[in-house]
C-alpha atoms as a PDB file:
ATOM      1  CA  TYR A   1     113.194  94.844  39.240  1.00  0.00           C
ATOM      2  CA  ILE A   2     109.724  93.031  39.351  1.00  0.00           C
ATOM      3  CA  LEU A   3     106.663  95.013  39.655  1.00  0.00           C
ATOM      4  CA  SER A   4     103.734  93.023  41.108  1.00  0.00           C
ATOM      5  CA  LYS A   5     100.762  93.411  43.029  1.00  0.00           C
ATOM      6  CA  PRO A   6     101.467  93.094  46.877  1.00  0.00           C
ATOM      7  CA  VAL A   7     100.325  89.891  48.668  1.00  0.00           C
ATOM      8  CA  PRO A   8      97.035  90.614  50.520  1.00  0.00           C
ATOM      9  CA  GLU A   9      97.609  91.744  54.166  1.00  0.00           C
ATOM     10  CA  SER A  10      95.488  88.698  55.393  1.00  0.00           C
ATOM     11  CA  GLU A  11      97.841  86.285  53.793  1.00  0.00           C
ATOM     12  CA  ARG A  12     101.213  88.001  54.657  1.00  0.00           C
ATOM     13  CA  VAL A  13     103.785  86.836  57.147  1.00  0.00           C
ATOM     14  CA  HIS A  14     105.773  90.098  56.827  1.00  0.00           C
ATOM     15  CA  PRO A  15     105.048  93.462  55.301  1.00  0.00           C
ATOM     16  CA  TRP A  16     107.653  93.169  52.699  1.00  0.00           C
ATOM     17  CA  GLN A  17     106.453  89.576  51.454  1.00  0.00           C
ATOM     18  CA  GLN A  18     106.346  89.297  47.758  1.00  0.00           C
ATOM     19  CA  PRO A  19     103.776  87.288  45.674  1.00  0.00           C
ATOM     20  CA  GLU A  20     105.173  83.916  44.329  1.00  0.00           C
ATOM     21  CA  LEU A  21     103.837  84.343  40.643  1.00  0.00           C
ATOM     22  CA  PRO A  22     106.579  86.574  39.368  1.00  0.00           C
ATOM     23  CA  PHE A  23     109.309  84.488  40.883  1.00  0.00           C
ATOM     24  CA  GLU A  24     107.715  81.161  39.295  1.00  0.00           C
ATOM     25  CA  SER A  25     108.532  82.540  35.871  1.00  0.00           C
ATOM     26  CA  ILE A  26     112.073  83.423  36.987  1.00  0.00           C
ATOM     27  CA  VAL A  27     112.773  79.990  38.472  1.00  0.00           C
ATOM     28  CA  GLU A  28     111.178  78.295  35.401  1.00  0.00           C
ATOM     29  CA  CYS A  29     113.127  80.409  32.976  1.00  0.00           C
ATOM     30  CA  PHE A  30     116.621  80.214  34.376  1.00  0.00           C
ATOM     31  CA  THR A  31     116.716  76.650  36.248  1.00  0.00           C
ATOM     32  CA  LYS A  32     115.601  73.182  35.781  1.00  0.00           C
ATOM     33  CA  LYS A  33     114.386  70.519  38.259  1.00  0.00           C
ATOM     34  CA  GLY A  34     117.229  69.639  40.614  1.00  0.00           C
ATOM     35  CA  ASP A  35     119.073  72.851  40.189  1.00  0.00           C
ATOM     36  CA  LEU A  36     120.231  74.949  43.214  1.00  0.00           C
ATOM     37  CA  VAL A  37     118.510  78.425  43.559  1.00  0.00           C
ATOM     38  CA  ILE A  38     120.583  80.795  45.932  1.00  0.00           C
ATOM     39  CA  ASP A  39     118.968  83.796  47.437  1.00  0.00           C
ATOM     40  CA  PRO A  40     121.405  85.968  49.459  1.00  0.00           C
ATOM     41  CA  MET A  41     118.655  88.366  50.603  1.00  0.00           C
ATOM     42  CA  MET A  42     115.646  86.030  51.065  1.00  0.00           C
ATOM     43  CA  GLY A  43     113.601  88.041  53.261  1.00  0.00           C
ATOM     44  CA  THR A  44     110.500  85.957  53.888  1.00  0.00           C
ATOM     45  CA  GLY A  45     111.498  83.161  51.529  1.00  0.00           C
ATOM     46  CA  THR A  46     109.223  83.789  48.573  1.00  0.00           C
ATOM     47  CA  THR A  47     111.893  82.634  46.146  1.00  0.00           C
ATOM     48  CA  GLY A  48     112.657  79.567  48.232  1.00  0.00           C
ATOM     49  CA  VAL A  49     109.023  78.481  48.395  1.00  0.00           C
ATOM     50  CA  VAL A  50     108.812  78.810  44.601  1.00  0.00           C
ATOM     51  CA  ALA A  51     112.085  76.842  44.231  1.00  0.00           C
ATOM     52  CA  ILE A  52     110.905  73.940  46.378  1.00  0.00           C
ATOM     53  CA  LYS A  53     107.483  73.764  44.709  1.00  0.00           C
ATOM     54  CA  ARG A  54     109.177  73.648  41.234  1.00  0.00           C
ATOM     55  CA  GLY A  55     111.539  70.759  42.488  1.00  0.00           C
ATOM     56  CA  ARG A  56     114.603  72.845  42.850  1.00  0.00           C
ATOM     57  CA  LEU A  57     117.271  72.921  45.815  1.00  0.00           C
ATOM     58  CA  PHE A  58     117.265  76.008  47.733  1.00  0.00           C
ATOM     59  CA  LEU A  59     120.069  77.890  49.835  1.00  0.00           C
ATOM     60  CA  GLY A  60     119.039  81.286  51.326  1.00  0.00           C
ATOM     61  CA  PHE A  61     120.601  83.997  53.525  1.00  0.00           C
ATOM     62  CA  ASP A  62     119.480  87.060  55.187  1.00  0.00           C
ATOM     63  CA  ILE A  63     120.996  89.348  57.682  1.00  0.00           C
ATOM     64  CA  ASN A  64     117.609  90.056  59.489  1.00  0.00           C
ATOM     65  CA  ARG A  65     117.175  87.320  62.038  1.00  0.00           C
ATOM     66  CA  ASN A  66     113.306  87.794  62.181  1.00  0.00           C
ATOM     67  CA  ALA A  67     112.916  87.546  58.522  1.00  0.00           C
ATOM     68  CA  PHE A  68     115.212  84.504  58.493  1.00  0.00           C
ATOM     69  CA  LYS A  69     113.010  82.709  61.001  1.00  0.00           C
ATOM     70  CA  LEU A  70     109.816  83.572  59.055  1.00  0.00           C
ATOM     71  CA  SER A  71     111.540  82.161  55.958  1.00  0.00           C
ATOM     72  CA  GLN A  72     112.541  79.049  57.653  1.00  0.00           C
ATOM     73  CA  GLU A  73     109.019  78.403  59.098  1.00  0.00           C
ATOM     74  CA  ARG A  74     107.473  79.007  55.429  1.00  0.00           C
ATOM     75  CA  LEU A  75     110.173  76.705  53.699  1.00  0.00           C
ATOM     76  CA  PHE A  76     109.592  73.858  56.307  1.00  0.00           C
ATOM     77  CA  ARG A  77     105.665  74.140  55.853  1.00  0.00           C
ATOM     78  CA  THR A  78     106.149  74.075  52.054  1.00  0.00           C
ATOM     79  CA  ALA A  79     108.434  70.919  52.239  1.00  0.00           C
ATOM     80  CA  ALA A  80     106.278  69.163  54.677  1.00  0.00           C
ATOM     81  CA  ALA A  81     103.111  69.880  52.728  1.00  0.00           C
ATOM     82  CA  LEU A  82     104.933  68.384  49.574  1.00  0.00           C
ATOM     83  CA  ALA A  83     106.354  65.426  51.516  1.00  0.00           C
ATOM     84  CA  ASN A  84     102.700  64.585  52.915  1.00  0.00           C
ATOM     85  CA  GLY A  85     100.955  64.908  49.662  1.00  0.00           C
ATOM     86  CA  GLU A  86      98.982  68.028  50.768  1.00  0.00           C
ATOM     87  CA  MET A  87     100.547  69.995  47.924  1.00  0.00           C
ATOM     88  CA  GLN A  88     101.798  68.755  44.514  1.00  0.00           C
ATOM     89  CA  GLU A  89     105.016  69.768  43.028  1.00  0.00           C
ATOM     90  CA  LEU A  90     104.542  72.169  40.140  1.00  0.00           C
END
C-alpha cells in the first residue's frame, strides 16, 4: 500500500481522492511514455491523471458510477489542459 498525506478538503472532488505525487513515482518507475496504464479500481482517476500528464495512455474501470463520472471529468479536464497548452506534460 501507499501511505500519503490526504488531498486537502478544498481540492478534493471525492472523500477518497488520493494525492498525485505517490502515483507519479509508480508510473515513472514501471512505465515509459506511450505505455498503457490500466487501473481496474480507478475511483476518482488519480492514476489516470498522472498517466496522462506523464505521456502514457490510460484505461480505467470502476464499479461506482459516481466515482467513474468524477474520474471522467478529471481525465477530460487534464487532457484538455494539456491540449490547450495550459499544462505541460511532465
